[in-house]
Amino acid sequence: MIRIAKSHAKQTGRSLSELIETYLETLTEEHDGGITHISPKLKKLAGAIKLPANFDEKKELDAYFENKHL
């Protein structure tokens, strides 16, 4: 599925991140700077991943971007 999404992004001259951002925007409606409606699809994602109590989000993001841009 990721391969297909990357191919589609390339064909449309967009990045995969941009496609995902656009998709997430379609799941929510924003009014006056706040989200007033959250799609059931997006609600299903909440709590889907259980992280350890000592999970360091900043450390993991830094490591991810360091490896991505090598």
PDB file of N, CA and C in Angstrom:
ATOM      1  N   MET A   1       0.811  -1.176   0.000  1.00  0.00           N
ATOM      2  CA  MET A   1       0.000   0.000   0.000  1.00  0.00           C
ATOM      3  C   MET A   1       0.868   1.258   0.000  1.00  0.00           C
ATOM      4  N   ILE A   2       1.950   1.272   0.780  1.00  0.00           N
ATOM      5  CA  ILE A   2       2.830   2.443   0.816  1.00  0.00           C
ATOM      6  C   ILE A   2       3.473   2.666  -0.544  1.00  0.00           C
ATOM      7  N   ARG A   3       3.846   1.590  -1.189  1.00  0.00           N
ATOM      8  CA  ARG A   3       4.462   1.696  -2.513  1.00  0.00           C
ATOM      9  C   ARG A   3       3.497   2.361  -3.500  1.00  0.00           C
ATOM     10  N   ILE A   4       2.241   1.966  -3.442  1.00  0.00           N
ATOM     11  CA  ILE A   4       1.225   2.544  -4.322  1.00  0.00           C
ATOM     12  C   ILE A   4       1.025   4.027  -3.999  1.00  0.00           C
ATOM     13  N   ALA A   5       0.980   4.348  -2.710  1.00  0.00           N
ATOM     14  CA  ALA A   5       0.798   5.744  -2.301  1.00  0.00           C
ATOM     15  C   ALA A   5       1.980   6.596  -2.750  1.00  0.00           C
ATOM     16  N   LYS A   6       3.198   6.077  -2.611  1.00  0.00           N
ATOM     17  CA  LYS A   6       4.382   6.814  -3.063  1.00  0.00           C
ATOM     18  C   LYS A   6       4.344   7.034  -4.570  1.00  0.00           C
ATOM     19  N   SER A   7       3.925   6.028  -5.284  1.00  0.00           N
ATOM     20  CA  SER A   7       3.822   6.131  -6.740  1.00  0.00           C
ATOM     21  C   SER A   7       2.792   7.182  -7.124  1.00  0.00           C
ATOM     22  N   HIS A   8       1.655   7.164  -6.459  1.00  0.00           N
ATOM     23  CA  HIS A   8       0.608   8.145  -6.731  1.00  0.00           C
ATOM     24  C   HIS A   8       1.111   9.563  -6.422  1.00  0.00           C
ATOM     25  N   ALA A   9       1.811   9.710  -5.312  1.00  0.00           N
ATOM     26  CA  ALA A   9       2.350  11.016  -4.941  1.00  0.00           C
ATOM     27  C   ALA A   9       3.314  11.514  -6.016  1.00  0.00           C
ATOM     28  N   LYS A  10       4.180  10.637  -6.469  1.00  0.00           N
ATOM     29  CA  LYS A  10       5.153  11.019  -7.501  1.00  0.00           C
ATOM     30  C   LYS A  10       4.449  11.420  -8.795  1.00  0.00           C
ATOM     31  N   GLN A  11       3.447  10.664  -9.177  1.00  0.00           N
ATOM     32  CA  GLN A  11       2.707  10.947 -10.411  1.00  0.00           C
ATOM     33  C   GLN A  11       1.972  12.280 -10.354  1.00  0.00           C
ATOM     34  N   THR A  12       1.575  12.681  -9.155  1.00  0.00           N
ATOM     35  CA  THR A  12       0.829  13.933  -9.010  1.00  0.00           C
ATOM     36  C   THR A  12       1.727  15.094  -8.588  1.00  0.00           C
ATOM     37  N   GLY A  13       3.030  14.837  -8.499  1.00  0.00           N
ATOM     38  CA  GLY A  13       3.977  15.898  -8.155  1.00  0.00           C
ATOM     39  C   GLY A  13       3.874  16.361  -6.712  1.00  0.00           C
ATOM     40  N   ARG A  14       3.469  15.456  -5.837  1.00  0.00           N
ATOM     41  CA  ARG A  14       3.323  15.787  -4.419  1.00  0.00           C
ATOM     42  C   ARG A  14       4.140  14.814  -3.589  1.00  0.00           C
ATOM     43  N   SER A  15       4.388  15.184  -2.349  1.00  0.00           N
ATOM     44  CA  SER A  15       5.087  14.275  -1.445  1.00  0.00           C
ATOM     45  C   SER A  15       4.071  13.381  -0.745  1.00  0.00           C
ATOM     46  N   LEU A  16       4.536  12.262  -0.245  1.00  0.00           N
ATOM     47  CA  LEU A  16       3.664  11.361   0.497  1.00  0.00           C
ATOM     48  C   LEU A  16       3.149  12.065   1.751  1.00  0.00           C
ATOM     49  N   SER A  17       3.995  12.844   2.393  1.00  0.00           N
ATOM     50  CA  SER A  17       3.574  13.601   3.571  1.00  0.00           C
ATOM     51  C   SER A  17       2.429  14.551   3.232  1.00  0.00           C
ATOM     52  N   GLU A  18       2.515  15.191   2.081  1.00  0.00           N
ATOM     53  CA  GLU A  18       1.463  16.114   1.659  1.00  0.00           C
ATOM     54  C   GLU A  18       0.150  15.364   1.425  1.00  0.00           C
ATOM     55  N   LEU A  19       0.230  14.185   0.813  1.00  0.00           N
ATOM     56  CA  LEU A  19      -0.981  13.390   0.600  1.00  0.00           C
ATOM     57  C   LEU A  19      -1.628  13.011   1.924  1.00  0.00           C
ATOM     58  N   ILE A  20      -0.807  12.606   2.876  1.00  0.00           N
ATOM     59  CA  ILE A  20      -1.330  12.199   4.184  1.00  0.00           C
ATOM     60  C   ILE A  20      -1.945  13.397   4.901  1.00  0.00           C
ATOM     61  N   GLU A  21      -1.266  14.540   4.841  1.00  0.00           N
ATOM     62  CA  GLU A  21      -1.801  15.740   5.472  1.00  0.00           C
ATOM     63  C   GLU A  21      -3.153  16.120   4.864  1.00  0.00           C
ATOM     64  N   THR A  22      -3.235  16.060   3.556  1.00  0.00           N
ATOM     65  CA  THR A  22      -4.493  16.383   2.877  1.00  0.00           C
ATOM     66  C   THR A  22      -5.592  15.412   3.295  1.00  0.00           C
ATOM     67  N   TYR A  23      -5.242  14.145   3.386  1.00  0.00           N
ATOM     68  CA  TYR A  23      -6.218  13.135   3.806  1.00  0.00           C
ATOM     69  C   TYR A  23      -6.725  13.425   5.216  1.00  0.00           C
ATOM     70  N   LEU A  24      -5.804  13.734   6.131  1.00  0.00           N
ATOM     71  CA  LEU A  24      -6.218  14.018   7.500  1.00  0.00           C
ATOM     72  C   LEU A  24      -7.088  15.270   7.567  1.00  0.00           C
ATOM     73  N   GLU A  25      -6.793  16.237   6.715  1.00  0.00           N
ATOM     74  CA  GLU A  25      -7.628  17.437   6.673  1.00  0.00           C
ATOM     75  C   GLU A  25      -9.049  17.107   6.230  1.00  0.00           C
ATOM     76  N   THR A  26      -9.193  16.121   5.355  1.00  0.00           N
ATOM     77  CA  THR A  26     -10.537  15.747   4.901  1.00  0.00           C
ATOM     78  C   THR A  26     -11.316  15.004   5.993  1.00  0.00           C
ATOM     79  N   LEU A  27     -10.609  14.481   6.972  1.00  0.00           N
ATOM     80  CA  LEU A  27     -11.276  13.763   8.057  1.00  0.00           C
ATOM     81  C   LEU A  27     -11.841  14.701   9.117  1.00  0.00           C
ATOM     82  N   THR A  28     -11.362  15.927   9.122  1.00  0.00           N
ATOM     83  CA  THR A  28     -11.824  16.884  10.124  1.00  0.00           C
ATOM     84  C   THR A  28     -12.373  18.128   9.443  1.00  0.00           C
ATOM     85  N   GLU A  29     -13.238  18.805  10.131  1.00  0.00           N
ATOM     86  CA  GLU A  29     -13.743  20.087   9.668  1.00  0.00           C
ATOM     87  C   GLU A  29     -13.284  21.121  10.682  1.00  0.00           C
ATOM     88  N   GLU A  30     -12.674  22.191  10.209  1.00  0.00           N
ATOM     89  CA  GLU A  30     -12.228  23.241  11.112  1.00  0.00           C
ATOM     90  C   GLU A  30     -13.093  24.478  10.939  1.00  0.00           C
ATOM     91  N   HIS A  31     -13.497  25.053  12.060  1.00  0.00           N
ATOM     92  CA  HIS A  31     -14.259  26.296  12.055  1.00  0.00           C
ATOM     93  C   HIS A  31     -13.664  27.214  13.112  1.00  0.00           C
ATOM     94  N   ASP A  32     -13.372  28.433  12.727  1.00  0.00           N
ATOM     95  CA  ASP A  32     -12.830  29.437  13.644  1.00  0.00           C
ATOM     96  C   ASP A  32     -11.589  28.932  14.378  1.00  0.00           C
ATOM     97  N   GLY A  33     -10.729  28.210  13.688  1.00  0.00           N
ATOM     98  CA  GLY A  33      -9.471  27.751  14.272  1.00  0.00           C
ATOM     99  C   GLY A  33      -9.574  26.526  15.156  1.00  0.00           C
ATOM    100  N   GLY A  34     -10.775  26.012  15.376  1.00  0.00           N
ATOM    101  CA  GLY A  34     -10.923  24.836  16.221  1.00  0.00           C
ATOM    102  C   GLY A  34     -11.624  23.723  15.484  1.00  0.00           C
ATOM    103  N   ILE A  35     -11.355  22.512  15.859  1.00  0.00           N
ATOM    104  CA  ILE A  35     -11.993  21.365  15.230  1.00  0.00           C
ATOM    105  C   ILE A  35     -13.360  21.174  15.866  1.00  0.00           C
ATOM    106  N   THR A  36     -14.394  21.177  15.061  1.00  0.00           N
ATOM    107  CA  THR A  36     -15.745  21.017  15.583  1.00  0.00           C
ATOM    108  C   THR A  36     -16.298  19.624  15.306  1.00  0.00           C
ATOM    109  N   HIS A  37     -15.658  18.910  14.402  1.00  0.00           N
ATOM    110  CA  HIS A  37     -16.136  17.567  14.063  1.00  0.00           C
ATOM    111  C   HIS A  37     -14.916  16.699  13.753  1.00  0.00           C
ATOM    112  N   ILE A  38     -14.878  15.534  14.328  1.00  0.00           N
ATOM    113  CA  ILE A  38     -13.817  14.580  14.034  1.00  0.00           C
ATOM    114  C   ILE A  38     -14.468  13.356  13.411  1.00  0.00           C
ATOM    115  N   SER A  39     -13.954  12.974  12.252  1.00  0.00           N
ATOM    116  CA  SER A  39     -14.489  11.839  11.528  1.00  0.00           C
ATOM    117  C   SER A  39     -14.382  10.556  12.359  1.00  0.00           C
ATOM    118  N   PRO A  40     -15.333   9.645  12.200  1.00  0.00           N
ATOM    119  CA  PRO A  40     -15.233   8.344  12.865  1.00  0.00           C
ATOM    120  C   PRO A  40     -13.952   7.598  12.500  1.00  0.00           C
ATOM    121  N   LYS A  41     -13.471   7.792  11.261  1.00  0.00           N
ATOM    122  CA  LYS A  41     -12.217   7.136  10.854  1.00  0.00           C
ATOM    123  C   LYS A  41     -11.057   7.622  11.709  1.00  0.00           C
ATOM    124  N   LEU A  42     -11.011   8.922  11.946  1.00  0.00           N
ATOM    125  CA  LEU A  42      -9.938   9.483  12.758  1.00  0.00           C
ATOM    126  C   LEU A  42     -10.089   9.080  14.218  1.00  0.00           C
ATOM    127  N   LYS A  43     -11.315   9.026  14.726  1.00  0.00           N
ATOM    128  CA  LYS A  43     -11.559   8.610  16.106  1.00  0.00           C
ATOM    129  C   LYS A  43     -11.054   7.192  16.359  1.00  0.00           C
ATOM    130  N   LYS A  44     -11.173   6.325  15.343  1.00  0.00           N
ATOM    131  CA  LYS A  44     -10.718   4.942  15.488  1.00  0.00           C
ATOM    132  C   LYS A  44      -9.212   4.859  15.704  1.00  0.00           C
ATOM    133  N   LEU A  45      -8.469   5.855  15.211  1.00  0.00           N
ATOM    134  CA  LEU A  45      -7.020   5.855  15.369  1.00  0.00           C
ATOM    135  C   LEU A  45      -6.589   6.181  16.799  1.00  0.00           C
ATOM    136  N   ALA A  46      -7.378   6.968  17.490  1.00  0.00           N
ATOM    137  CA  ALA A  46      -7.044   7.376  18.850  1.00  0.00           C
ATOM    138  C   ALA A  46      -6.951   6.156  19.760  1.00  0.00           C
ATOM    139  N   GLY A  47      -5.842   6.028  20.431  1.00  0.00           N
ATOM    140  CA  GLY A  47      -5.638   4.924  21.358  1.00  0.00           C
ATOM    141  C   GLY A  47      -5.283   3.610  20.696  1.00  0.00           C
ATOM    142  N   ALA A  48      -5.053   3.613  19.397  1.00  0.00           N
ATOM    143  CA  ALA A  48      -4.742   2.375  18.687  1.00  0.00           C
ATOM    144  C   ALA A  48      -3.349   1.866  19.026  1.00  0.00           C
ATOM    145  N   ILE A  49      -2.472   2.759  19.437  1.00  0.00           N
ATOM    146  CA  ILE A  49      -1.094   2.385  19.750  1.00  0.00           C
ATOM    147  C   ILE A  49      -0.846   2.623  21.227  1.00  0.00           C
ATOM    148  N   LYS A  50      -0.324   1.634  21.890  1.00  0.00           N
ATOM    149  CA  LYS A  50       0.013   1.744  23.303  1.00  0.00           C
ATOM    150  C   LYS A  50       1.528   1.921  23.419  1.00  0.00           C
ATOM    151  N   LEU A  51       1.948   3.046  23.964  1.00  0.00           N
ATOM    152  CA  LEU A  51       3.369   3.338  24.119  1.00  0.00           C
ATOM    153  C   LEU A  51       3.792   3.111  25.561  1.00  0.00           C
ATOM    154  N   PRO A  52       5.069   2.747  25.768  1.00  0.00           N
ATOM    155  CA  PRO A  52       5.558   2.578  27.141  1.00  0.00           C
ATOM    156  C   PRO A  52       5.487   3.909  27.897  1.00  0.00           C
ATOM    157  N   ALA A  53       5.370   3.841  29.200  1.00  0.00           N
ATOM    158  CA  ALA A  53       5.273   5.044  30.023  1.00  0.00           C
ATOM    159  C   ALA A  53       6.498   5.935  29.871  1.00  0.00           C
ATOM    160  N   ASN A  54       7.659   5.348  29.599  1.00  0.00           N
ATOM    161  CA  ASN A  54       8.894   6.128  29.491  1.00  0.00           C
ATOM    162  C   ASN A  54       9.225   6.517  28.050  1.00  0.00           C
ATOM    163  N   PHE A  55       8.265   6.444  27.150  1.00  0.00           N
ATOM    164  CA  PHE A  55       8.477   6.776  25.745  1.00  0.00           C
ATOM    165  C   PHE A  55       8.829   8.253  25.615  1.00  0.00           C
ATOM    166  N   ASP A  56       9.942   8.536  24.931  1.00  0.00           N
ATOM    167  CA  ASP A  56      10.408   9.912  24.730  1.00  0.00           C
ATOM    168  C   ASP A  56      10.143  10.297  23.271  1.00  0.00           C
ATOM    169  N   GLU A  57       9.025  10.984  23.039  1.00  0.00           N
ATOM    170  CA  GLU A  57       8.618  11.328  21.675  1.00  0.00           C
ATOM    171  C   GLU A  57       9.666  12.174  20.966  1.00  0.00           C
ATOM    172  N   LYS A  58      10.209  13.177  21.649  1.00  0.00           N
ATOM    173  CA  LYS A  58      11.202  14.056  21.025  1.00  0.00           C
ATOM    174  C   LYS A  58      12.444  13.266  20.609  1.00  0.00           C
ATOM    175  N   LYS A  59      12.911  12.399  21.471  1.00  0.00           N
ATOM    176  CA  LYS A  59      14.093  11.581  21.169  1.00  0.00           C
ATOM    177  C   LYS A  59      13.832  10.700  19.946  1.00  0.00           C
ATOM    178  N   GLU A  60      12.675  10.079  19.887  1.00  0.00           N
ATOM    179  CA  GLU A  60      12.332   9.203  18.770  1.00  0.00           C
ATOM    180  C   GLU A  60      12.185   9.984  17.467  1.00  0.00           C
ATOM    181  N   LEU A  61      11.555  11.160  17.530  1.00  0.00           N
ATOM    182  CA  LEU A  61      11.423  11.990  16.328  1.00  0.00           C
ATOM    183  C   LEU A  61      12.786  12.453  15.830  1.00  0.00           C
ATOM    184  N   ASP A  62      13.641  12.874  16.754  1.00  0.00           N
ATOM    185  CA  ASP A  62      14.991  13.298  16.373  1.00  0.00           C
ATOM    186  C   ASP A  62      15.747  12.160  15.693  1.00  0.00           C
ATOM    187  N   ALA A  63      15.661  10.963  16.259  1.00  0.00           N
ATOM    188  CA  ALA A  63      16.341   9.799  15.677  1.00  0.00           C
ATOM    189  C   ALA A  63      15.767   9.467  14.295  1.00  0.00           C
ATOM    190  N   TYR A  64      14.449   9.544  14.157  1.00  0.00           N
ATOM    191  CA  TYR A  64      13.805   9.266  12.890  1.00  0.00           C
ATOM    192  C   TYR A  64      14.309  10.219  11.799  1.00  0.00           C
ATOM    193  N   PHE A  65      14.266  11.522  12.091  1.00  0.00           N
ATOM    194  CA  PHE A  65      14.660  12.500  11.081  1.00  0.00           C
ATOM    195  C   PHE A  65      16.160  12.434  10.796  1.00  0.00           C
ATOM    196  N   GLU A  66      16.956  12.096  11.793  1.00  0.00           N
ATOM    197  CA  GLU A  66      18.391  11.939  11.562  1.00  0.00           C
ATOM    198  C   GLU A  66      18.652  10.793  10.586  1.00  0.00           C
ATOM    199  N   ASN A  67      17.984   9.670  10.782  1.00  0.00           N
ATOM    200  CA  ASN A  67      18.154   8.521   9.898  1.00  0.00           C
ATOM    201  C   ASN A  67      17.563   8.774   8.518  1.00  0.00           C
ATOM    202  N   LYS A  68      16.444   9.476   8.469  1.00  0.00           N
ATOM    203  CA  LYS A  68      15.757   9.747   7.202  1.00  0.00           C
ATOM    204  C   LYS A  68      16.617  10.607   6.283  1.00  0.00           C
ATOM    205  N   HIS A  69      17.343  11.540   6.856  1.00  0.00           N
ATOM    206  CA  HIS A  69      18.088  12.509   6.054  1.00  0.00           C
ATOM    207  C   HIS A  69      19.580  12.212   5.974  1.00  0.00           C
ATOM    208  N   LEU A  70      19.960  10.968   6.154  1.00  0.00           N
ATOM    209  CA  LEU A  70      21.385  10.599   6.028  1.00  0.00           C
ATOM    210  C   LEU A  70      21.809  10.549   4.592  1.00  0.00           C
TER     211      LEU A  70
END
